[in-house]
Each structure stands twice: as structure tokens, then as C-alpha cells.
Amino acid sequence: YLFRVVDVGGFGKSSDSGSLRNSAFGESLRDGSLQLPPDTVIPGAERLGPLPHVFVGDEAFPLLDNLLRPFPGRQLTRERRMFNYRLSRARLVLECTFGILSSQWRMLRRVITTSPEVVELCVKAACVLHNFLCRKTIRKSRTSVEESTDEAPDTPTLCD
């Protein structure tokens, strides 16, 4: 549930596909300069050979070597329906991430009435803070909690 790439500043009327096409990330994805990890054999799917690292998108995006989109149409084979279902489940993680972000930062639930430059900084800051808070939560949940004593309670700090 972390943001790895954030591109802010596209116009609301531009399509997802158009925003990707006009971004530095989209350009790097198209020309192969993203420096993605090499193709890898997935455990349990050795018969498929090495598979590329991919990004998931919806119907609006183009089909690229490293960008998957669902099969179009309604009369699909069982395998294609299963693929679309699994791709939809992968995209759900992204939708949940945006839901978490907007629930943490009220400003993202409505139009931000300030200059585009300030809006861009606010959205990027919210994404960075979201990642920081998620990492803190993940780190905290992995450490064991000791029995509390009658001493002063531990207070969370931003030490590290």
C-alpha cells in the first residue's frame, strides 16, 4: 500500500492513458529505460519460463510489454475471464491505497482551492507522509510488544 511513482499535475479532463503517455514514467516505460529487474521465473510457474515485471492498468491503458490490461469484450474464454478477475484483484490494491490516502488527508476529498504549484506540493507531501506512516505501522506490527508496566507509557515519536 505504498506509492512508488507519483506524477502530479495532469489536467482532470485528460484520460489516464493520456496522463501516462505525457509523463516521464510513461515515456520511460515505453522506451524501456525504467531499469526494471530482469525477467524472473516465478516459483510454481516454472513451465512459463522467465516472466517480466509488470504494472497493472485498466481498459484505458495501452497494452505494453510491462503494462497489463484486461482482455476486452464479454464473450471471453474461461482463461481470459480468470486473467481479468486476477488482474482486477491486483488493481484493487491500488484502489485501496488511494482510499487510505484520501481518508488520512481530508484535503484530498474535495477541490483544493490554491495555485497549481501549491496543490502539486500538497499532493506529493501527502503521498510521502502516507508512505512514512505505512512503514511505521508495518515496522511496529512486526516488533513484539512487551508487557506494560506502571511507568510512563511509551509515546510514538519520529526518531528514525
N, C-alpha and C. Protein backbone atom coordinates (compact mmCIF):
# COMPACT_ATOMS: atom_id res chain seq x y z
N TYR A 1 0.81 -1.20 0.00
CA TYR A 1 0.00 0.00 0.00
C TYR A 1 0.85 1.27 0.00
N LEU A 2 2.00 1.23 -0.68
CA LEU A 2 2.89 2.37 -0.76
C LEU A 2 2.92 2.93 -2.18
N PHE A 3 3.17 4.21 -2.28
CA PHE A 3 3.32 4.85 -3.59
C PHE A 3 4.78 4.77 -4.00
N ARG A 4 5.04 4.26 -5.18
CA ARG A 4 6.40 4.15 -5.70
C ARG A 4 6.70 5.26 -6.71
N VAL A 5 5.70 5.62 -7.50
CA VAL A 5 5.84 6.66 -8.51
C VAL A 5 4.64 7.57 -8.38
N VAL A 6 4.88 8.88 -8.30
CA VAL A 6 3.80 9.85 -8.21
C VAL A 6 4.03 10.90 -9.27
N ASP A 7 3.04 11.09 -10.12
CA ASP A 7 3.10 12.13 -11.15
C ASP A 7 1.89 13.02 -10.94
N VAL A 8 2.12 14.23 -10.49
CA VAL A 8 1.05 15.17 -10.18
C VAL A 8 1.10 16.30 -11.19
N GLY A 9 -0.05 16.80 -11.56
CA GLY A 9 -0.07 17.98 -12.42
C GLY A 9 -0.84 17.79 -13.70
N GLY A 10 -1.34 16.57 -13.96
CA GLY A 10 -2.15 16.36 -15.16
C GLY A 10 -3.50 17.05 -15.00
N PHE A 11 -4.09 17.43 -16.10
CA PHE A 11 -5.40 18.07 -16.06
C PHE A 11 -6.48 17.04 -15.80
N GLY A 12 -7.50 17.40 -15.05
CA GLY A 12 -8.58 16.50 -14.71
C GLY A 12 -9.31 15.96 -15.92
N LYS A 13 -9.32 16.72 -17.00
CA LYS A 13 -10.03 16.27 -18.20
C LYS A 13 -9.20 15.29 -19.02
N SER A 14 -7.90 15.15 -18.73
CA SER A 14 -7.10 14.22 -19.51
C SER A 14 -7.33 12.79 -19.05
N SER A 15 -7.32 11.87 -20.01
CA SER A 15 -7.57 10.46 -19.70
C SER A 15 -6.37 9.86 -18.97
N ASP A 16 -6.60 8.71 -18.32
CA ASP A 16 -5.50 8.01 -17.66
C ASP A 16 -4.41 7.67 -18.66
N SER A 17 -4.83 7.20 -19.82
CA SER A 17 -3.88 6.84 -20.87
C SER A 17 -3.07 8.06 -21.32
N GLY A 18 -3.75 9.19 -21.48
CA GLY A 18 -3.07 10.42 -21.89
C GLY A 18 -2.10 10.90 -20.83
N SER A 19 -2.51 10.79 -19.56
CA SER A 19 -1.62 11.20 -18.47
C SER A 19 -0.37 10.33 -18.44
N LEU A 20 -0.55 9.01 -18.63
CA LEU A 20 0.60 8.11 -18.66
C LEU A 20 1.51 8.45 -19.84
N ARG A 21 0.92 8.65 -21.01
CA ARG A 21 1.68 8.95 -22.21
C ARG A 21 2.52 10.21 -22.04
N ASN A 22 1.98 11.23 -21.35
CA ASN A 22 2.67 12.51 -21.21
C ASN A 22 3.59 12.59 -20.00
N SER A 23 3.67 11.53 -19.21
CA SER A 23 4.52 11.56 -18.01
C SER A 23 5.92 11.01 -18.32
N ALA A 24 6.88 11.39 -17.50
CA ALA A 24 8.24 10.86 -17.64
C ALA A 24 8.24 9.35 -17.40
N PHE A 25 7.42 8.90 -16.45
CA PHE A 25 7.31 7.47 -16.17
C PHE A 25 6.80 6.72 -17.41
N GLY A 26 5.73 7.24 -18.02
CA GLY A 26 5.17 6.60 -19.21
C GLY A 26 6.16 6.54 -20.36
N GLU A 27 6.91 7.62 -20.53
CA GLU A 27 7.92 7.65 -21.58
C GLU A 27 9.01 6.61 -21.32
N SER A 28 9.45 6.50 -20.07
CA SER A 28 10.47 5.51 -19.71
C SER A 28 9.93 4.09 -19.86
N LEU A 29 8.66 3.90 -19.56
CA LEU A 29 8.03 2.58 -19.71
C LEU A 29 7.99 2.18 -21.19
N ARG A 30 7.64 3.13 -22.05
CA ARG A 30 7.57 2.84 -23.49
C ARG A 30 8.94 2.57 -24.10
N ASP A 31 9.94 3.38 -23.74
CA ASP A 31 11.24 3.21 -24.40
C ASP A 31 12.16 2.21 -23.69
N GLY A 32 11.70 1.62 -22.58
CA GLY A 32 12.47 0.57 -21.91
C GLY A 32 13.59 1.06 -21.04
N SER A 33 13.57 2.33 -20.64
CA SER A 33 14.68 2.88 -19.83
C SER A 33 14.35 2.94 -18.34
N LEU A 34 13.35 2.19 -17.88
CA LEU A 34 12.96 2.22 -16.46
C LEU A 34 13.90 1.45 -15.55
N GLN A 35 14.77 0.66 -16.10
CA GLN A 35 15.69 -0.17 -15.32
C GLN A 35 14.94 -1.12 -14.39
N LEU A 36 13.95 -1.82 -14.96
CA LEU A 36 13.20 -2.82 -14.21
C LEU A 36 14.09 -4.03 -13.97
N PRO A 37 13.81 -4.80 -12.92
CA PRO A 37 14.59 -6.02 -12.69
C PRO A 37 14.48 -6.96 -13.89
N PRO A 38 15.45 -7.84 -14.07
CA PRO A 38 15.38 -8.77 -15.21
C PRO A 38 14.20 -9.73 -15.06
N ASP A 39 13.80 -10.31 -16.19
CA ASP A 39 12.73 -11.31 -16.17
C ASP A 39 13.10 -12.42 -15.19
N THR A 40 12.09 -12.93 -14.47
CA THR A 40 12.31 -13.89 -13.40
C THR A 40 11.35 -15.06 -13.52
N VAL A 41 11.83 -16.25 -13.16
CA VAL A 41 10.95 -17.42 -13.10
C VAL A 41 10.18 -17.35 -11.79
N ILE A 42 8.86 -17.49 -11.88
CA ILE A 42 8.01 -17.43 -10.69
C ILE A 42 7.89 -18.83 -10.12
N PRO A 43 8.16 -19.00 -8.82
CA PRO A 43 8.02 -20.34 -8.20
C PRO A 43 6.60 -20.87 -8.40
N GLY A 44 6.51 -22.10 -8.85
CA GLY A 44 5.22 -22.72 -9.12
C GLY A 44 4.77 -22.54 -10.56
N ALA A 45 5.46 -21.68 -11.30
CA ALA A 45 5.10 -21.45 -12.71
C ALA A 45 6.35 -21.57 -13.58
N GLU A 46 7.18 -22.52 -13.24
CA GLU A 46 8.44 -22.70 -13.97
C GLU A 46 8.20 -23.01 -15.44
N ARG A 47 7.10 -23.69 -15.74
CA ARG A 47 6.81 -24.08 -17.13
C ARG A 47 6.63 -22.86 -18.04
N LEU A 48 6.33 -21.69 -17.45
CA LEU A 48 6.14 -20.48 -18.25
C LEU A 48 7.46 -19.79 -18.60
N GLY A 49 8.53 -20.20 -17.93
CA GLY A 49 9.83 -19.57 -18.17
C GLY A 49 9.92 -18.23 -17.46
N PRO A 50 10.97 -17.48 -17.75
CA PRO A 50 11.13 -16.16 -17.10
C PRO A 50 10.02 -15.20 -17.54
N LEU A 51 9.46 -14.49 -16.58
CA LEU A 51 8.39 -13.53 -16.85
C LEU A 51 8.85 -12.12 -16.49
N PRO A 52 8.38 -11.12 -17.24
CA PRO A 52 8.79 -9.74 -16.96
C PRO A 52 8.07 -9.18 -15.73
N HIS A 53 8.66 -8.18 -15.10
CA HIS A 53 7.98 -7.42 -14.05
C HIS A 53 6.99 -6.52 -14.78
N VAL A 54 5.77 -6.42 -14.25
CA VAL A 54 4.72 -5.68 -14.95
C VAL A 54 3.99 -4.72 -14.01
N PHE A 55 3.33 -3.75 -14.63
CA PHE A 55 2.42 -2.85 -13.95
C PHE A 55 1.02 -3.23 -14.41
N VAL A 56 0.04 -2.98 -13.57
CA VAL A 56 -1.34 -3.32 -13.94
C VAL A 56 -2.12 -2.04 -14.21
N GLY A 57 -3.01 -2.13 -15.18
CA GLY A 57 -3.85 -0.99 -15.53
C GLY A 57 -5.24 -1.46 -15.89
N ASP A 58 -6.09 -0.52 -16.24
CA ASP A 58 -7.43 -0.89 -16.67
C ASP A 58 -7.54 -0.74 -18.18
N GLU A 59 -8.77 -0.78 -18.69
CA GLU A 59 -9.01 -0.77 -20.13
C GLU A 59 -8.49 0.49 -20.81
N ALA A 60 -8.33 1.58 -20.06
CA ALA A 60 -7.91 2.85 -20.63
C ALA A 60 -6.45 2.84 -21.08
N PHE A 61 -5.66 1.95 -20.52
CA PHE A 61 -4.22 1.95 -20.81
C PHE A 61 -3.88 1.10 -22.02
N PRO A 62 -2.77 1.43 -22.69
CA PRO A 62 -2.35 0.60 -23.82
C PRO A 62 -1.68 -0.68 -23.32
N LEU A 63 -1.70 -1.70 -24.13
CA LEU A 63 -1.02 -2.95 -23.80
C LEU A 63 0.45 -2.79 -24.18
N LEU A 64 1.33 -2.87 -23.20
CA LEU A 64 2.77 -2.78 -23.43
C LEU A 64 3.43 -4.02 -22.83
N ASP A 65 4.71 -4.23 -23.12
CA ASP A 65 5.42 -5.39 -22.58
C ASP A 65 5.37 -5.44 -21.06
N ASN A 66 5.44 -4.29 -20.41
CA ASN A 66 5.46 -4.25 -18.95
C ASN A 66 4.21 -3.60 -18.36
N LEU A 67 3.13 -3.54 -19.13
CA LEU A 67 1.87 -2.97 -18.65
C LEU A 67 0.72 -3.87 -19.08
N LEU A 68 0.09 -4.50 -18.10
CA LEU A 68 -1.02 -5.41 -18.38
C LEU A 68 -2.35 -4.68 -18.30
N ARG A 69 -3.27 -5.07 -19.14
CA ARG A 69 -4.63 -4.56 -19.11
C ARG A 69 -5.57 -5.73 -19.36
N PRO A 70 -6.84 -5.61 -18.97
CA PRO A 70 -7.76 -6.74 -19.15
C PRO A 70 -8.06 -7.02 -20.62
N PHE A 71 -8.47 -8.25 -20.88
CA PHE A 71 -8.95 -8.60 -22.22
C PHE A 71 -10.27 -7.87 -22.45
N PRO A 72 -10.47 -7.30 -23.63
CA PRO A 72 -11.73 -6.60 -23.90
C PRO A 72 -12.85 -7.58 -24.28
N GLY A 73 -14.07 -7.10 -24.19
CA GLY A 73 -15.22 -7.88 -24.65
C GLY A 73 -15.89 -8.67 -23.55
N ARG A 74 -17.03 -9.28 -23.93
CA ARG A 74 -17.82 -10.05 -22.97
C ARG A 74 -17.75 -11.55 -23.23
N GLN A 75 -17.56 -11.95 -24.45
CA GLN A 75 -17.51 -13.37 -24.80
C GLN A 75 -16.07 -13.87 -24.70
N LEU A 76 -15.62 -14.08 -23.47
CA LEU A 76 -14.23 -14.47 -23.23
C LEU A 76 -14.15 -15.93 -22.82
N THR A 77 -13.02 -16.53 -23.11
CA THR A 77 -12.79 -17.90 -22.66
C THR A 77 -12.64 -17.89 -21.15
N ARG A 78 -12.71 -19.07 -20.57
CA ARG A 78 -12.57 -19.18 -19.11
C ARG A 78 -11.22 -18.64 -18.65
N GLU A 79 -10.16 -18.95 -19.41
CA GLU A 79 -8.81 -18.49 -19.04
C GLU A 79 -8.73 -16.96 -19.06
N ARG A 80 -9.34 -16.35 -20.08
CA ARG A 80 -9.29 -14.89 -20.17
C ARG A 80 -10.13 -14.23 -19.07
N ARG A 81 -11.27 -14.81 -18.75
CA ARG A 81 -12.09 -14.29 -17.65
C ARG A 81 -11.32 -14.39 -16.33
N MET A 82 -10.63 -15.51 -16.13
CA MET A 82 -9.83 -15.71 -14.91
C MET A 82 -8.70 -14.68 -14.85
N PHE A 83 -8.04 -14.45 -15.99
CA PHE A 83 -6.98 -13.44 -16.04
C PHE A 83 -7.54 -12.07 -15.66
N ASN A 84 -8.68 -11.69 -16.26
CA ASN A 84 -9.28 -10.39 -15.96
C ASN A 84 -9.64 -10.27 -14.48
N TYR A 85 -10.15 -11.35 -13.90
CA TYR A 85 -10.51 -11.34 -12.48
C TYR A 85 -9.27 -11.12 -11.62
N ARG A 86 -8.21 -11.85 -11.92
CA ARG A 86 -6.99 -11.72 -11.12
C ARG A 86 -6.33 -10.35 -11.30
N LEU A 87 -6.39 -9.84 -12.51
CA LEU A 87 -5.86 -8.50 -12.75
C LEU A 87 -6.67 -7.46 -11.98
N SER A 88 -7.98 -7.65 -11.93
CA SER A 88 -8.85 -6.76 -11.18
C SER A 88 -8.51 -6.80 -9.69
N ARG A 89 -8.21 -7.98 -9.17
CA ARG A 89 -7.81 -8.11 -7.76
C ARG A 89 -6.50 -7.37 -7.50
N ALA A 90 -5.58 -7.43 -8.44
CA ALA A 90 -4.31 -6.71 -8.28
C ALA A 90 -4.55 -5.20 -8.31
N ARG A 91 -5.45 -4.74 -9.17
CA ARG A 91 -5.76 -3.31 -9.25
C ARG A 91 -6.48 -2.83 -8.00
N LEU A 92 -7.17 -3.73 -7.32
CA LEU A 92 -7.89 -3.37 -6.10
C LEU A 92 -6.94 -2.86 -5.02
N VAL A 93 -5.72 -3.37 -4.98
CA VAL A 93 -4.72 -2.89 -4.01
C VAL A 93 -4.47 -1.40 -4.25
N LEU A 94 -4.35 -1.01 -5.51
CA LEU A 94 -4.14 0.39 -5.84
C LEU A 94 -5.33 1.24 -5.42
N GLU A 95 -6.54 0.76 -5.71
CA GLU A 95 -7.74 1.50 -5.31
C GLU A 95 -7.80 1.67 -3.79
N CYS A 96 -7.45 0.63 -3.06
CA CYS A 96 -7.44 0.70 -1.59
C CYS A 96 -6.40 1.70 -1.10
N THR A 97 -5.26 1.75 -1.76
CA THR A 97 -4.20 2.68 -1.39
C THR A 97 -4.68 4.12 -1.52
N PHE A 98 -5.37 4.41 -2.63
CA PHE A 98 -5.92 5.76 -2.80
C PHE A 98 -6.99 6.04 -1.75
N GLY A 99 -7.78 5.04 -1.39
CA GLY A 99 -8.79 5.21 -0.35
C GLY A 99 -8.16 5.53 0.99
N ILE A 100 -7.09 4.82 1.33
CA ILE A 100 -6.37 5.07 2.58
C ILE A 100 -5.79 6.49 2.57
N LEU A 101 -5.18 6.87 1.45
CA LEU A 101 -4.59 8.21 1.33
C LEU A 101 -5.64 9.29 1.54
N SER A 102 -6.79 9.17 0.87
CA SER A 102 -7.80 10.22 0.99
C SER A 102 -8.49 10.20 2.35
N SER A 103 -8.51 9.05 3.02
CA SER A 103 -9.11 9.03 4.37
C SER A 103 -8.17 9.66 5.39
N GLN A 104 -6.85 9.62 5.13
CA GLN A 104 -5.88 10.23 6.05
C GLN A 104 -5.78 11.74 5.86
N TRP A 105 -5.95 12.20 4.64
CA TRP A 105 -5.73 13.61 4.31
C TRP A 105 -7.01 14.20 3.75
N ARG A 106 -7.74 14.89 4.62
CA ARG A 106 -9.04 15.45 4.25
C ARG A 106 -8.99 16.36 3.03
N MET A 107 -7.88 17.05 2.83
CA MET A 107 -7.79 17.98 1.71
C MET A 107 -7.99 17.28 0.36
N LEU A 108 -7.75 15.97 0.31
CA LEU A 108 -7.86 15.24 -0.95
C LEU A 108 -9.30 14.83 -1.26
N ARG A 109 -10.22 15.10 -0.37
CA ARG A 109 -11.62 14.72 -0.59
C ARG A 109 -12.43 15.78 -1.31
N ARG A 110 -11.81 16.92 -1.59
CA ARG A 110 -12.52 18.00 -2.27
C ARG A 110 -11.53 18.77 -3.13
N VAL A 111 -12.05 19.75 -3.85
CA VAL A 111 -11.19 20.58 -4.69
C VAL A 111 -10.29 21.41 -3.78
N ILE A 112 -9.00 21.43 -4.10
CA ILE A 112 -8.04 22.22 -3.33
C ILE A 112 -7.96 23.58 -4.02
N THR A 113 -8.42 24.61 -3.34
CA THR A 113 -8.51 25.94 -3.95
C THR A 113 -7.27 26.78 -3.64
N THR A 114 -6.24 26.50 -4.39
CA THR A 114 -5.00 27.26 -4.31
C THR A 114 -4.29 27.13 -5.65
N SER A 115 -3.12 27.66 -5.76
CA SER A 115 -2.41 27.62 -7.04
C SER A 115 -2.00 26.19 -7.39
N PRO A 116 -1.89 25.88 -8.68
CA PRO A 116 -1.47 24.53 -9.10
C PRO A 116 -0.13 24.10 -8.50
N GLU A 117 0.79 25.05 -8.34
CA GLU A 117 2.10 24.71 -7.77
C GLU A 117 1.96 24.23 -6.32
N VAL A 118 1.11 24.91 -5.55
CA VAL A 118 0.91 24.53 -4.15
C VAL A 118 0.16 23.20 -4.07
N VAL A 119 -0.82 23.00 -4.95
CA VAL A 119 -1.56 21.74 -4.97
C VAL A 119 -0.61 20.59 -5.24
N GLU A 120 0.28 20.77 -6.21
CA GLU A 120 1.25 19.72 -6.54
C GLU A 120 2.10 19.37 -5.33
N LEU A 121 2.59 20.37 -4.62
CA LEU A 121 3.41 20.13 -3.43
C LEU A 121 2.60 19.43 -2.33
N CYS A 122 1.34 19.85 -2.15
CA CYS A 122 0.49 19.24 -1.12
C CYS A 122 0.24 17.76 -1.40
N VAL A 123 -0.06 17.44 -2.65
CA VAL A 123 -0.35 16.04 -3.01
C VAL A 123 0.91 15.19 -2.85
N LYS A 124 2.04 15.70 -3.31
CA LYS A 124 3.29 14.95 -3.16
C LYS A 124 3.64 14.75 -1.69
N ALA A 125 3.44 15.80 -0.88
CA ALA A 125 3.73 15.69 0.56
C ALA A 125 2.80 14.66 1.20
N ALA A 126 1.53 14.64 0.81
CA ALA A 126 0.59 13.67 1.36
C ALA A 126 1.03 12.25 1.01
N CYS A 127 1.52 12.04 -0.19
CA CYS A 127 1.98 10.70 -0.60
C CYS A 127 3.22 10.28 0.19
N VAL A 128 4.15 11.20 0.38
CA VAL A 128 5.36 10.90 1.15
C VAL A 128 4.99 10.59 2.61
N LEU A 129 4.12 11.39 3.19
CA LEU A 129 3.70 11.16 4.58
C LEU A 129 2.91 9.85 4.70
N HIS A 130 2.09 9.55 3.71
CA HIS A 130 1.35 8.27 3.69
C HIS A 130 2.33 7.10 3.74
N ASN A 131 3.36 7.14 2.87
CA ASN A 131 4.35 6.07 2.86
C ASN A 131 5.08 5.97 4.19
N PHE A 132 5.44 7.11 4.76
CA PHE A 132 6.14 7.12 6.05
C PHE A 132 5.28 6.48 7.13
N LEU A 133 4.01 6.87 7.20
CA LEU A 133 3.12 6.33 8.23
C LEU A 133 2.86 4.85 8.01
N CYS A 134 2.73 4.43 6.77
CA CYS A 134 2.53 2.99 6.49
C CYS A 134 3.75 2.19 6.92
N ARG A 135 4.93 2.68 6.64
CA ARG A 135 6.15 1.97 7.02
C ARG A 135 6.27 1.90 8.54
N LYS A 136 5.92 2.99 9.24
CA LYS A 136 5.96 2.98 10.71
C LYS A 136 4.99 1.95 11.25
N THR A 137 3.80 1.87 10.67
CA THR A 137 2.79 0.91 11.11
C THR A 137 3.26 -0.51 10.87
N ILE A 138 3.83 -0.76 9.71
CA ILE A 138 4.33 -2.10 9.37
C ILE A 138 5.46 -2.48 10.32
N ARG A 139 6.39 -1.56 10.56
CA ARG A 139 7.52 -1.83 11.45
C ARG A 139 7.03 -2.11 12.86
N LYS A 140 6.05 -1.33 13.34
CA LYS A 140 5.53 -1.51 14.69
C LYS A 140 4.84 -2.85 14.84
N SER A 141 4.09 -3.27 13.82
CA SER A 141 3.35 -4.52 13.93
C SER A 141 4.27 -5.74 13.89
N ARG A 142 5.47 -5.58 13.36
CA ARG A 142 6.41 -6.69 13.29
C ARG A 142 7.20 -6.87 14.57
N THR A 143 7.29 -5.83 15.41
CA THR A 143 8.06 -5.95 16.65
C THR A 143 7.15 -6.47 17.75
N SER A 144 7.74 -7.23 18.67
CA SER A 144 6.92 -7.78 19.75
C SER A 144 6.66 -6.69 20.79
N VAL A 145 5.48 -6.72 21.34
CA VAL A 145 5.10 -5.75 22.36
C VAL A 145 5.34 -6.37 23.72
N GLU A 146 6.12 -5.69 24.53
CA GLU A 146 6.40 -6.20 25.87
C GLU A 146 5.28 -5.81 26.82
N GLU A 147 5.21 -6.53 27.93
CA GLU A 147 4.20 -6.22 28.94
C GLU A 147 4.38 -4.79 29.42
N SER A 148 3.29 -4.06 29.54
CA SER A 148 3.39 -2.69 30.01
C SER A 148 3.55 -2.68 31.52
N THR A 149 4.25 -1.67 32.01
CA THR A 149 4.46 -1.52 33.45
C THR A 149 3.70 -0.29 33.92
N ASP A 150 3.82 0.00 35.16
CA ASP A 150 3.14 1.18 35.71
C ASP A 150 3.90 2.45 35.43
N GLU A 151 5.04 2.33 34.72
CA GLU A 151 5.84 3.52 34.41
C GLU A 151 5.14 4.34 33.33
N ALA A 152 5.78 5.43 32.95
CA ALA A 152 5.20 6.29 31.91
C ALA A 152 4.99 5.49 30.63
N PRO A 153 3.86 5.69 29.96
CA PRO A 153 3.59 4.93 28.74
C PRO A 153 4.52 5.36 27.61
N ASP A 154 4.81 4.40 26.72
CA ASP A 154 5.61 4.73 25.53
C ASP A 154 4.80 5.64 24.64
N THR A 155 5.43 6.69 24.16
CA THR A 155 4.75 7.56 23.22
C THR A 155 5.45 7.45 21.89
N PRO A 156 4.69 7.31 20.80
CA PRO A 156 5.34 7.22 19.50
C PRO A 156 6.04 8.51 19.15
N THR A 157 7.23 8.40 18.61
CA THR A 157 7.99 9.58 18.20
C THR A 157 8.46 9.39 16.77
N LEU A 158 9.01 10.43 16.21
CA LEU A 158 9.51 10.38 14.84
C LEU A 158 11.03 10.30 14.84
N CYS A 159 11.59 9.51 15.74
CA CYS A 159 13.05 9.45 15.90
C CYS A 159 13.76 9.02 14.63
N ASP A 160 13.33 7.89 14.03
CA ASP A 160 14.10 7.39 12.89
C ASP A 160 13.48 7.85 11.58
